[in-house]
N, C-alpha and C. Protein backbone atom coordinates (compact mmCIF):
# COMPACT_ATOMS: atom_id res chain seq x y z
N SER A 1 0.59 -1.26 0.02
CA SER A 1 -0.24 0.08 -0.03
C SER A 1 0.72 1.26 0.05
N SER A 2 0.20 2.37 -0.42
CA SER A 2 0.91 3.56 -0.13
C SER A 2 1.41 4.12 1.15
N GLY A 3 0.75 3.60 2.47
CA GLY A 3 1.07 4.03 3.51
C GLY A 3 2.31 3.17 3.85
N GLY A 4 2.46 2.03 3.49
CA GLY A 4 3.78 0.99 3.95
C GLY A 4 5.06 1.54 3.06
N ALA A 5 4.56 2.00 1.57
CA ALA A 5 5.81 2.78 0.99
C ALA A 5 5.92 4.03 1.60
N GLY A 6 5.17 4.76 2.19
CA GLY A 6 5.40 6.06 2.80
C GLY A 6 6.30 5.81 4.14
N ALA A 7 5.89 4.66 5.02
CA ALA A 7 6.50 4.53 6.20
C ALA A 7 8.11 4.24 5.81
N LEU A 8 8.59 3.51 4.77
CA LEU A 8 9.72 2.98 4.26
C LEU A 8 10.64 4.44 3.97
N ARG A 9 9.69 5.28 3.11
CA ARG A 9 10.28 6.40 2.93
C ARG A 9 10.71 7.38 3.86
N LEU A 10 9.78 7.50 4.88
CA LEU A 10 9.92 8.49 5.98
C LEU A 10 11.05 7.70 6.77
N ALA A 11 11.15 6.65 7.07
CA ALA A 11 12.23 5.99 8.00
C ALA A 11 13.61 6.34 7.61
N ALA A 12 13.60 5.92 6.17
CA ALA A 12 14.87 6.47 5.41
C ALA A 12 15.17 7.86 5.69
N GLU A 13 14.23 8.68 5.26
CA GLU A 13 14.57 10.14 5.42
C GLU A 13 15.01 10.70 6.83
N LEU A 14 14.17 10.07 7.98
CA LEU A 14 14.76 10.50 9.48
C LEU A 14 15.99 9.86 9.94
N GLY A 15 16.17 8.63 9.48
CA GLY A 15 17.23 7.99 9.85
C GLY A 15 17.12 7.22 11.22
N PRO A 16 18.18 6.39 11.58
CA PRO A 16 18.35 5.36 12.58
C PRO A 16 18.30 6.26 13.98
N LYS A 17 18.53 7.44 13.85
CA LYS A 17 18.81 8.27 15.36
C LYS A 17 17.37 8.85 15.62
N ARG A 18 16.23 8.57 14.80
CA ARG A 18 15.04 9.23 14.68
C ARG A 18 13.79 7.96 14.88
N VAL A 19 14.31 6.98 14.10
CA VAL A 19 13.38 5.62 13.62
C VAL A 19 14.00 4.50 14.14
N TRP A 20 13.52 3.83 15.33
CA TRP A 20 14.17 2.76 15.66
C TRP A 20 13.56 1.40 15.14
N ALA A 21 12.39 1.38 14.43
CA ALA A 21 12.12 0.40 13.63
C ALA A 21 11.17 0.70 12.64
N VAL A 22 10.74 -0.11 11.52
CA VAL A 22 9.72 0.31 10.61
C VAL A 22 9.32 -0.95 10.50
N ALA A 23 7.86 -0.96 10.23
CA ALA A 23 7.10 -2.19 9.52
C ALA A 23 6.28 -1.73 8.46
N ALA A 24 6.02 -2.63 7.37
CA ALA A 24 5.29 -1.99 6.24
C ALA A 24 4.67 -3.56 5.74
N ALA A 25 3.46 -3.50 5.32
CA ALA A 25 2.74 -4.31 4.65
C ALA A 25 2.36 -4.18 3.44
N SER A 26 2.66 -4.87 2.52
CA SER A 26 2.55 -4.74 0.91
C SER A 26 2.69 -3.25 0.46
N PRO A 27 4.19 -3.00 0.85
CA PRO A 27 4.61 -1.66 0.36
C PRO A 27 4.44 -1.38 -1.29
N ALA A 28 3.95 -0.49 -1.60
CA ALA A 28 3.69 0.00 -3.07
C ALA A 28 4.69 0.65 -3.37
N VAL A 29 5.94 -0.06 -3.38
CA VAL A 29 7.20 0.40 -4.10
C VAL A 29 8.02 -0.63 -4.55
N THR A 30 8.78 -0.12 -5.91
CA THR A 30 9.38 -1.39 -6.51
C THR A 30 10.89 -1.48 -5.78
N ALA A 31 11.58 -2.36 -5.87
CA ALA A 31 12.88 -2.80 -4.97
C ALA A 31 13.65 -1.94 -5.64
N SER A 32 13.50 -1.41 -6.70
CA SER A 32 14.78 -0.25 -7.31
C SER A 32 14.37 1.05 -6.81
N GLN A 33 13.24 1.36 -6.50
CA GLN A 33 12.65 2.47 -6.03
C GLN A 33 12.92 2.63 -4.26
N ALA A 34 13.01 1.60 -3.80
CA ALA A 34 13.13 1.54 -2.08
C ALA A 34 14.49 2.08 -1.58
N PRO A 35 14.53 3.01 -0.81
CA PRO A 35 15.70 3.44 -0.13
C PRO A 35 16.70 2.45 0.78
N LEU A 36 16.90 1.11 0.36
CA LEU A 36 17.30 0.15 0.98
C LEU A 36 18.70 0.68 1.76
N ARG A 37 19.36 1.16 0.87
CA ARG A 37 20.70 1.84 1.55
C ARG A 37 20.65 2.67 2.82
N ASP A 38 19.46 3.28 2.78
CA ASP A 38 19.09 4.08 3.88
C ASP A 38 18.54 3.44 4.94
N LEU A 39 18.09 2.34 4.83
CA LEU A 39 17.37 1.62 5.81
C LEU A 39 18.23 0.44 6.37
N VAL A 40 19.35 0.43 5.87
CA VAL A 40 20.22 -0.61 6.56
C VAL A 40 20.48 -0.23 8.23
N ASP A 41 20.48 0.58 8.58
CA ASP A 41 20.82 0.56 10.02
C ASP A 41 19.64 0.75 10.97
N ILE A 42 18.22 0.70 10.15
CA ILE A 42 17.12 0.66 10.88
C ILE A 42 16.52 -0.94 10.57
N PRO A 43 15.96 -1.59 11.89
CA PRO A 43 15.32 -2.80 11.60
C PRO A 43 13.94 -2.58 10.86
N VAL A 44 13.94 -3.45 9.70
CA VAL A 44 12.76 -3.30 8.91
C VAL A 44 11.96 -4.70 9.11
N TRP A 45 10.73 -4.65 9.07
CA TRP A 45 9.81 -5.65 8.78
C TRP A 45 9.06 -5.40 7.49
N LEU A 46 8.98 -6.54 6.64
CA LEU A 46 8.08 -6.31 5.48
C LEU A 46 7.11 -7.45 5.25
N GLY A 47 6.30 -7.69 4.88
CA GLY A 47 5.49 -8.73 4.55
C GLY A 47 4.32 -8.25 3.71
N CYS A 48 3.87 -9.29 2.92
CA CYS A 48 2.90 -9.17 2.07
C CYS A 48 2.34 -10.52 1.56
N GLY A 49 0.90 -10.64 0.97
CA GLY A 49 0.29 -11.81 0.77
C GLY A 49 0.77 -12.27 -0.45
N GLU A 50 0.73 -13.64 -1.08
CA GLU A 50 1.30 -14.09 -1.88
C GLU A 50 0.42 -13.73 -3.24
N ARG A 51 -0.87 -13.34 -3.08
CA ARG A 51 -1.80 -12.98 -4.20
C ARG A 51 -1.97 -11.31 -4.31
N ASP A 52 -0.84 -10.61 -3.61
CA ASP A 52 -0.83 -9.25 -3.53
C ASP A 52 0.14 -9.02 -4.97
N ASP A 53 -0.04 -7.68 -5.39
CA ASP A 53 0.59 -6.81 -6.85
C ASP A 53 1.85 -7.05 -6.44
N TRP A 54 2.39 -6.55 -4.93
CA TRP A 54 3.69 -6.22 -4.62
C TRP A 54 4.47 -7.44 -3.75
N ALA A 55 3.78 -8.61 -4.01
CA ALA A 55 4.63 -9.68 -3.32
C ALA A 55 6.10 -9.91 -3.97
N LEU A 56 6.27 -9.78 -5.22
CA LEU A 56 7.41 -10.00 -5.58
C LEU A 56 8.41 -9.13 -5.38
N GLN A 57 8.17 -7.80 -5.36
CA GLN A 57 8.74 -6.72 -4.88
C GLN A 57 9.24 -6.53 -3.30
N THR A 58 8.34 -7.38 -2.56
CA THR A 58 8.47 -7.25 -1.07
C THR A 58 9.40 -8.38 -0.95
N GLN A 59 9.57 -9.22 -1.47
CA GLN A 59 10.38 -10.67 -1.43
C GLN A 59 11.84 -10.10 -2.07
N THR A 60 11.99 -9.33 -3.06
CA THR A 60 13.41 -8.68 -3.69
C THR A 60 13.66 -7.58 -2.51
N MET A 61 12.93 -6.80 -1.75
CA MET A 61 13.39 -5.94 -0.79
C MET A 61 14.14 -6.60 0.40
N LEU A 62 13.24 -7.61 0.86
CA LEU A 62 13.90 -8.34 1.91
C LEU A 62 15.38 -9.19 1.78
N LYS A 63 15.25 -9.57 0.39
CA LYS A 63 16.72 -10.02 0.27
C LYS A 63 17.73 -9.10 -0.08
N GLY A 64 17.29 -8.07 -0.71
CA GLY A 64 18.42 -6.79 -0.78
C GLY A 64 18.57 -6.39 0.59
N LEU A 65 17.84 -5.81 1.52
CA LEU A 65 18.17 -5.79 2.56
C LEU A 65 18.92 -6.80 3.52
N ARG A 66 18.72 -7.65 3.61
CA ARG A 66 19.65 -8.88 4.01
C ARG A 66 21.03 -8.83 3.44
N ALA A 67 20.95 -8.78 2.09
CA ALA A 67 22.45 -8.82 1.42
C ALA A 67 23.07 -7.86 1.86
N LEU A 68 22.46 -6.65 2.19
CA LEU A 68 23.41 -5.49 2.82
C LEU A 68 23.52 -5.55 4.11
N GLY A 69 23.31 -6.46 5.12
CA GLY A 69 23.65 -6.78 6.35
C GLY A 69 22.49 -6.12 7.35
N ALA A 70 21.26 -5.65 6.54
CA ALA A 70 20.27 -4.97 7.32
C ALA A 70 19.68 -6.20 8.41
N THR A 71 19.07 -5.70 9.51
CA THR A 71 18.02 -6.47 10.21
C THR A 71 16.61 -6.53 9.50
N ALA A 72 16.29 -7.45 8.64
CA ALA A 72 15.01 -7.32 7.84
C ALA A 72 14.31 -8.56 8.03
N GLU A 73 13.11 -8.62 8.60
CA GLU A 73 12.25 -9.50 9.11
C GLU A 73 11.01 -9.77 8.11
N GLY A 74 10.16 -10.59 8.24
CA GLY A 74 9.01 -10.51 7.29
C GLY A 74 9.01 -11.67 6.54
N ARG A 75 8.06 -11.70 5.63
CA ARG A 75 8.05 -12.70 4.67
C ARG A 75 6.59 -12.43 3.53
N VAL A 76 6.44 -13.32 2.58
CA VAL A 76 5.43 -13.50 1.74
C VAL A 76 4.69 -14.64 2.09
N THR A 77 3.49 -14.13 2.51
CA THR A 77 2.50 -15.63 3.08
C THR A 77 1.20 -15.48 2.18
N SER A 78 0.42 -16.55 2.78
CA SER A 78 -0.81 -16.70 1.65
C SER A 78 -1.82 -15.58 2.00
N GLY A 79 -2.49 -15.36 1.11
CA GLY A 79 -3.55 -14.50 1.15
C GLY A 79 -3.48 -13.05 0.33
N CYS A 80 -4.04 -12.07 0.48
CA CYS A 80 -3.78 -10.81 -0.12
C CYS A 80 -3.89 -9.45 0.88
N GLN A 81 -4.12 -8.37 0.25
CA GLN A 81 -4.10 -7.23 1.21
C GLN A 81 -5.62 -6.98 1.75
N ASP A 82 -5.97 -7.90 2.54
CA ASP A 82 -7.53 -7.63 2.97
C ASP A 82 -7.32 -7.69 4.57
N MET A 83 -8.45 -7.51 5.17
CA MET A 83 -8.75 -7.50 6.47
C MET A 83 -7.99 -8.97 7.29
N ALA A 84 -8.59 -10.05 6.62
CA ALA A 84 -7.94 -11.42 7.16
C ALA A 84 -6.38 -11.50 7.13
N TYR A 85 -5.79 -11.00 6.29
CA TYR A 85 -4.30 -10.67 6.05
C TYR A 85 -3.85 -9.74 7.25
N ARG A 86 -4.34 -8.62 7.21
CA ARG A 86 -3.87 -7.71 8.44
C ARG A 86 -4.09 -8.22 9.76
N ARG A 87 -5.11 -8.97 9.98
CA ARG A 87 -5.41 -9.56 11.30
C ARG A 87 -4.25 -10.29 11.70
N ARG A 88 -4.02 -11.29 10.57
CA ARG A 88 -2.84 -12.35 10.82
C ARG A 88 -1.50 -11.81 10.94
N VAL A 89 -1.34 -10.93 10.16
CA VAL A 89 0.35 -10.19 10.36
C VAL A 89 0.35 -9.07 11.39
N LEU A 90 -0.59 -8.67 12.08
CA LEU A 90 -0.43 -7.87 13.02
C LEU A 90 0.28 -7.96 14.18
N PRO A 91 -0.09 -8.99 14.71
CA PRO A 91 0.88 -9.71 15.89
C PRO A 91 2.36 -9.81 15.70
N GLU A 92 2.52 -10.24 14.44
CA GLU A 92 3.97 -10.42 14.26
C GLU A 92 4.73 -9.08 14.12
N GLN A 93 3.93 -8.14 13.35
CA GLN A 93 4.47 -6.83 13.23
C GLN A 93 4.69 -5.93 14.73
N LEU A 94 3.71 -6.26 15.31
CA LEU A 94 3.79 -5.47 16.68
C LEU A 94 5.07 -6.45 17.79
N ALA A 95 5.14 -7.58 17.41
CA ALA A 95 6.23 -8.41 18.11
C ALA A 95 7.46 -7.66 17.96
N PHE A 96 7.84 -7.28 16.45
CA PHE A 96 8.92 -7.00 16.11
C PHE A 96 9.15 -5.68 16.40
N LEU A 97 8.13 -4.77 16.10
CA LEU A 97 8.53 -3.36 16.77
C LEU A 97 8.68 -3.35 18.08
N SER A 98 8.10 -4.32 18.92
CA SER A 98 8.49 -4.00 20.43
C SER A 98 9.85 -4.44 20.92
N ARG A 99 10.38 -5.40 19.94
CA ARG A 99 11.77 -5.83 20.41
C ARG A 99 12.96 -4.81 19.96
N HIS A 100 12.40 -3.91 19.11
CA HIS A 100 13.49 -2.86 18.81
C HIS A 100 13.10 -1.30 19.29
N ILE A 101 12.11 -1.18 20.23
CA ILE A 101 12.10 0.14 21.00
C ILE A 101 12.39 -0.27 22.17
């Protein structure tokens, strides 16, 4: 979603001194547009449903962040960007964020 993309861009812009962690579900951004290098020092959780249009880009961003040595968690799971998916991943997102604040 655009909210997920915005969260990643804002975290990258503000940097690790002001952002302790960021979580984004189905971020509507291509891996080539994502500010991966600017997120290396910020723990990132990315998730997406496999039927979502952004699933491949989410996987690519996770791999790219991990290759850069970033703390990057999350995965592409069953489903799509609907309320059932959000309910399923919210506990994982909150647990991730709570470990980094």
